[in-house]
Amino acid sequence: MPFKPNYNQQRSERNRAKEQKKQEKLQKREEEAARRKATQEGDAPQDGDTPPQDGETDPS
């Protein structure tokens, strides 16, 4: 005769898998946010680094 089902163990396994999936999703979202933030900082010019636009004169 097979073993009697252990519902508490099955439930804890499902909860563990669910929590692991949630952590992986959160990690992925944080990595993507950090990558977007780094891209935005790389694209944004720093103060004083912008070349003069057409029609503007350089005060130097």
Protein backbone atom coordinates (compact mmCIF):
# COMPACT_ATOMS: atom_id res chain seq x y z
CA MET A 1 0.00 0.00 0.00
CA PRO A 2 1.45 3.42 -0.93
CA PHE A 3 2.09 6.06 1.64
CA LYS A 4 -0.68 8.24 2.89
CA PRO A 5 -0.51 11.71 1.24
CA ASN A 6 1.24 14.32 3.33
CA TYR A 7 -0.79 17.42 2.51
CA ASN A 8 1.27 19.72 4.74
CA GLN A 9 4.47 18.75 2.95
CA GLN A 10 2.85 19.22 -0.46
CA ARG A 11 1.53 22.62 0.56
CA SER A 12 4.90 23.73 1.93
CA GLU A 13 6.57 22.62 -1.32
CA ARG A 14 4.07 24.65 -3.36
CA ASN A 15 4.59 27.68 -1.12
CA ARG A 16 8.36 27.33 -1.37
CA ALA A 17 8.21 27.15 -5.18
CA LYS A 18 5.84 30.11 -5.28
CA GLU A 19 8.12 32.20 -3.04
CA GLN A 20 11.18 31.28 -5.12
CA LYS A 21 9.40 32.31 -8.32
CA LYS A 22 8.35 35.58 -6.68
CA GLN A 23 11.95 36.29 -5.61
CA GLU A 24 13.28 35.57 -9.11
CA LYS A 25 10.70 37.91 -10.63
CA LEU A 26 11.58 40.66 -8.14
CA GLN A 27 15.31 40.20 -8.86
CA LYS A 28 14.68 40.44 -12.61
CA ARG A 29 12.61 43.61 -12.18
CA GLU A 30 15.31 45.22 -10.01
CA GLU A 31 18.02 44.36 -12.56
CA GLU A 32 15.96 45.81 -15.41
CA ALA A 33 15.27 48.98 -13.40
CA ALA A 34 18.98 49.36 -12.62
CA ARG A 35 19.85 48.86 -16.29
CA ARG A 36 17.28 51.49 -17.36
CA LYS A 37 18.56 53.90 -14.73
CA ALA A 38 22.17 53.40 -15.86
CA THR A 39 21.12 53.94 -19.48
CA GLN A 40 19.29 57.16 -18.59
CA GLU A 41 22.28 58.47 -16.62
CA GLY A 42 24.59 57.63 -19.51
CA ASP A 43 22.40 59.46 -22.02
CA ALA A 44 21.81 62.56 -19.93
CA PRO A 45 24.58 65.18 -20.41
CA GLN A 46 26.32 66.47 -17.32
CA ASP A 47 26.18 70.17 -16.38
CA GLY A 48 28.69 72.15 -18.39
CA ASP A 49 29.32 69.31 -20.83
CA THR A 50 26.74 70.39 -23.38
CA PRO A 51 28.13 71.89 -26.58
CA PRO A 52 26.52 75.16 -27.69
CA GLN A 53 23.49 74.74 -29.91
CA ASP A 54 23.14 76.36 -33.34
CA GLY A 55 22.65 80.10 -32.95
CA GLU A 56 24.16 80.22 -29.46
CA THR A 57 27.47 81.93 -28.91
CA ASP A 58 30.22 80.69 -26.66
CA PRO A 59 31.00 83.36 -24.00
CA SER A 60 34.69 82.32 -23.90
